[in-house]
């Protein structure tokens, strides 16, 4: 069992990464490996709606990590989307990544999904909903939490003082491990729903 965690921050070692690391620790305690991909850095082009992905099975733009992640998610049991808050929403580069990744139609149906939102003060709920929309529209099963999975701090040192946020990350990590194991057991016994004809 494996989870792909997408760090949508332009920084690989700041608050978003620290929140993902807390979840990772809980998942690994339960025997689930986690691969973190730094998806929020560099020059990532937005979706051009060329629809070539419909015939190629991957994005036509091939100079960033989108296609690599599309391949890796096929074998994964779950996905974590982590982003800092920029102007009340998801970080722009990560939004470009997510638009292309999800438009290409990754196979997330009936896989566990979770979100981590990192912010200094406010704006987290809008970004939280934005990330969960990607999961919901791909038919991923969103991991339940004890509250909104929003962590506070402008640095990992500040995050260390957000006891409630860190607790939420631990709870979500444990819940995600349980959900992944439950889904694996259930898929052995219960057939998946038949999609409607179009």
Protein backbone atom coordinates (compact mmCIF):
# COMPACT_ATOMS: atom_id res chain seq x y z
CA UNK A 1 0.00 0.00 0.00
CA UNK A 2 1.33 3.37 -1.00
CA UNK A 3 0.27 7.01 -0.91
CA UNK A 4 1.48 9.71 -3.28
CA UNK A 5 1.73 13.07 -1.47
CA UNK A 6 1.87 16.15 -3.67
CA UNK A 7 3.61 19.09 -1.99
CA UNK A 8 2.17 22.10 -3.80
CA UNK A 9 4.42 24.65 -2.13
CA UNK A 10 7.22 26.29 -4.10
CA UNK A 11 9.37 25.39 -1.07
CA UNK A 12 10.27 21.78 -0.31
CA UNK A 13 10.96 22.34 3.39
CA UNK A 14 8.35 24.75 4.72
CA UNK A 15 4.99 24.40 6.48
CA UNK A 16 3.16 22.36 3.81
CA UNK A 17 6.01 19.82 3.79
CA UNK A 18 5.96 19.70 7.60
CA UNK A 19 2.22 18.98 7.64
CA UNK A 20 2.63 16.22 5.06
CA UNK A 21 5.50 14.80 7.14
CA UNK A 22 3.22 14.46 10.19
CA UNK A 23 0.67 12.53 8.13
CA UNK A 24 3.45 10.47 6.56
CA UNK A 25 4.68 9.40 9.99
CA UNK A 26 1.22 8.13 10.95
CA UNK A 27 0.76 6.30 7.64
CA UNK A 28 4.17 4.64 7.88
CA UNK A 29 3.38 3.46 11.43
CA UNK A 30 0.51 1.53 9.81
CA UNK A 31 2.75 0.00 7.14
CA UNK A 32 1.74 2.34 4.31
CA UNK A 33 4.61 3.88 2.37
CA UNK A 34 4.47 7.52 1.27
CA UNK A 35 6.24 9.10 -1.68
CA UNK A 36 6.36 12.90 -1.58
CA UNK A 37 6.52 14.66 -4.94
CA UNK A 38 7.37 18.35 -5.00
CA UNK A 39 4.65 19.47 -7.43
CA UNK A 40 4.58 23.19 -6.67
CA UNK A 41 7.99 24.30 -7.87
CA UNK A 42 9.37 25.38 -11.20
CA UNK A 43 7.67 26.44 -14.37
CA UNK A 44 4.46 24.43 -14.64
CA UNK A 45 2.19 25.40 -17.48
CA UNK A 46 -1.56 25.53 -17.00
CA UNK A 47 -4.05 23.39 -18.92
CA UNK A 48 -4.68 24.66 -22.46
CA UNK A 49 -7.78 22.49 -22.98
CA UNK A 50 -6.16 20.95 -26.08
CA UNK A 51 -7.76 17.61 -25.10
CA UNK A 52 -4.84 15.63 -26.48
CA UNK A 53 -4.83 13.76 -23.17
CA UNK A 54 -8.05 12.06 -24.29
CA UNK A 55 -6.17 10.23 -27.04
CA UNK A 56 -2.65 10.14 -25.57
CA UNK A 57 -3.70 8.94 -22.12
CA UNK A 58 -1.34 11.54 -20.66
CA UNK A 59 -0.77 15.29 -20.86
CA UNK A 60 0.65 16.64 -24.13
CA UNK A 61 2.93 18.94 -22.12
CA UNK A 62 5.81 16.72 -21.07
CA UNK A 63 8.43 18.92 -19.38
CA UNK A 64 7.24 18.83 -15.76
CA UNK A 65 6.14 16.19 -13.20
CA UNK A 66 2.45 15.91 -14.25
CA UNK A 67 2.84 12.78 -16.41
CA UNK A 68 5.21 11.17 -13.91
CA UNK A 69 2.54 11.59 -11.22
CA UNK A 70 -0.18 10.23 -13.50
CA UNK A 71 1.87 7.04 -13.83
CA UNK A 72 2.66 6.77 -10.13
CA UNK A 73 -0.92 7.23 -8.99
CA UNK A 74 -2.02 4.14 -10.94
CA UNK A 75 -0.38 1.84 -8.39
CA UNK A 76 -1.12 4.00 -5.34
CA UNK A 77 -3.83 3.42 -2.75
CA UNK A 78 -4.27 7.11 -2.00
CA UNK A 79 -3.23 10.68 -2.60
CA UNK A 80 -2.50 13.69 -0.38
CA UNK A 81 -2.84 17.19 -1.82
CA UNK A 82 -0.92 19.79 0.19
CA UNK A 83 -0.80 23.51 -0.55
CA UNK A 84 0.04 26.79 1.09
CA UNK A 85 -2.58 29.53 0.88
CA UNK A 86 -1.85 32.36 -1.55
CA UNK A 87 -4.39 35.18 -1.64
CA UNK A 88 -7.09 32.96 -0.17
CA UNK A 89 -6.58 30.01 -2.53
CA UNK A 90 -4.27 27.23 -3.66
CA UNK A 91 -0.75 28.28 -4.72
CA UNK A 92 -0.80 29.23 -8.42
CA UNK A 93 1.86 26.87 -9.73
CA UNK A 94 0.20 23.97 -7.92
CA UNK A 95 -3.19 24.97 -9.33
CA UNK A 96 -1.70 24.72 -12.84
CA UNK A 97 -0.34 21.27 -11.94
CA UNK A 98 -3.66 20.08 -10.48
CA UNK A 99 -5.76 21.37 -13.39
CA UNK A 100 -3.68 19.37 -15.86
CA UNK A 101 -3.29 16.33 -13.61
CA UNK A 102 -7.01 16.00 -12.92
CA UNK A 103 -8.11 16.92 -16.46
CA UNK A 104 -6.03 13.96 -17.70
CA UNK A 105 -8.28 11.79 -15.56
CA UNK A 106 -6.08 10.00 -13.03
CA UNK A 107 -7.58 6.79 -11.71
CA UNK A 108 -8.55 7.92 -8.22
CA UNK A 109 -11.98 6.32 -8.17
CA UNK A 110 -12.48 4.62 -4.79
CA UNK A 111 -8.98 5.53 -3.60
CA UNK A 112 -8.36 7.49 -0.40
CA UNK A 113 -7.72 11.21 -0.73
CA UNK A 114 -6.69 13.81 1.84
CA UNK A 115 -5.73 17.48 1.93
CA UNK A 116 -3.30 19.64 3.89
CA UNK A 117 -3.62 23.42 3.81
CA UNK A 118 -0.87 25.58 5.31
CA UNK A 119 -1.33 29.26 6.08
CA UNK A 120 -0.05 32.08 8.18
CA UNK A 121 -3.40 33.50 9.34
CA UNK A 122 -6.53 33.12 7.22
CA UNK A 123 -7.92 31.93 3.88
CA UNK A 124 -7.59 28.24 4.57
CA UNK A 125 -11.18 27.14 4.11
CA UNK A 126 -11.39 28.34 0.49
CA UNK A 127 -8.15 26.51 -0.36
CA UNK A 128 -9.32 23.43 1.57
CA UNK A 129 -12.55 23.32 -0.47
CA UNK A 130 -10.63 23.92 -3.69
CA UNK A 131 -8.40 20.89 -3.05
CA UNK A 132 -11.30 18.70 -1.96
CA UNK A 133 -13.17 19.59 -5.16
CA UNK A 134 -10.42 17.90 -7.18
CA UNK A 135 -10.75 14.76 -5.06
CA UNK A 136 -14.54 14.73 -5.08
CA UNK A 137 -14.83 15.21 -8.83
CA UNK A 138 -12.42 12.32 -9.44
CA UNK A 139 -14.53 10.07 -7.18
CA UNK A 140 -11.79 9.67 -4.60
CA UNK A 141 -13.02 8.96 -1.08
CA UNK A 142 -12.10 11.92 1.09
CA UNK A 143 -10.54 10.91 4.38
CA UNK A 144 -12.61 12.09 7.33
CA UNK A 145 -10.96 14.36 9.84
CA UNK A 146 -11.78 15.86 13.20
CA UNK A 147 -11.91 19.40 11.79
CA UNK A 148 -10.73 21.22 8.67
CA UNK A 149 -7.16 20.08 7.90
CA UNK A 150 -5.64 23.56 8.10
CA UNK A 151 -2.29 24.19 9.80
CA UNK A 152 -0.93 27.57 10.90
CA UNK A 153 2.58 28.93 10.70
CA UNK A 154 4.93 30.92 8.51
CA UNK A 155 7.75 28.43 9.15
CA UNK A 156 8.08 24.87 10.46
CA UNK A 157 9.17 26.40 13.78
CA UNK A 158 5.91 28.38 14.03
CA UNK A 159 3.93 25.27 13.05
CA UNK A 160 5.42 23.49 16.06
CA UNK A 161 3.28 25.83 18.21
CA UNK A 162 0.06 24.87 16.39
CA UNK A 163 -0.80 21.92 18.62
CA UNK A 164 -4.34 21.60 17.29
CA UNK A 165 -3.20 21.66 13.66
CA UNK A 166 -0.55 19.01 14.30
CA UNK A 167 -3.13 16.89 16.11
CA UNK A 168 -5.45 17.20 13.09
CA UNK A 169 -2.65 15.99 10.80
CA UNK A 170 -2.03 12.97 13.03
CA UNK A 171 -5.74 12.14 13.15
CA UNK A 172 -6.05 12.48 9.40
CA UNK A 173 -2.97 10.28 8.87
CA UNK A 174 -4.43 7.55 11.09
CA UNK A 175 -7.85 7.86 9.47
CA UNK A 176 -6.32 7.66 6.00
CA UNK A 177 -4.44 4.47 6.95
CA UNK A 178 -7.68 2.96 8.26
CA UNK A 179 -9.59 4.02 5.13
CA UNK A 180 -6.96 2.54 2.80
CA UNK A 181 -6.99 -0.77 4.68
CA UNK A 182 -10.79 -0.81 4.81
CA UNK A 183 -11.03 -0.15 1.07
CA UNK A 184 -8.52 -2.91 0.32
CA UNK A 185 -10.47 -5.40 2.44
CA UNK A 186 -13.81 -4.29 1.06
CA UNK A 187 -12.74 -4.54 -2.58
CA UNK A 188 -11.95 -8.23 -2.01
CA UNK A 189 -15.51 -8.94 -0.83
CA UNK A 190 -17.75 -6.36 -2.46
CA UNK A 191 -17.80 -5.52 -6.17
CA UNK A 192 -17.36 -1.88 -7.13
CA UNK A 193 -20.47 -0.01 -8.31
CA UNK A 194 -21.23 -0.39 -12.00
CA UNK A 195 -20.93 3.01 -13.71
CA UNK A 196 -24.03 4.20 -15.57
CA UNK A 197 -24.08 3.97 -19.34
CA UNK A 198 -23.53 7.25 -21.14
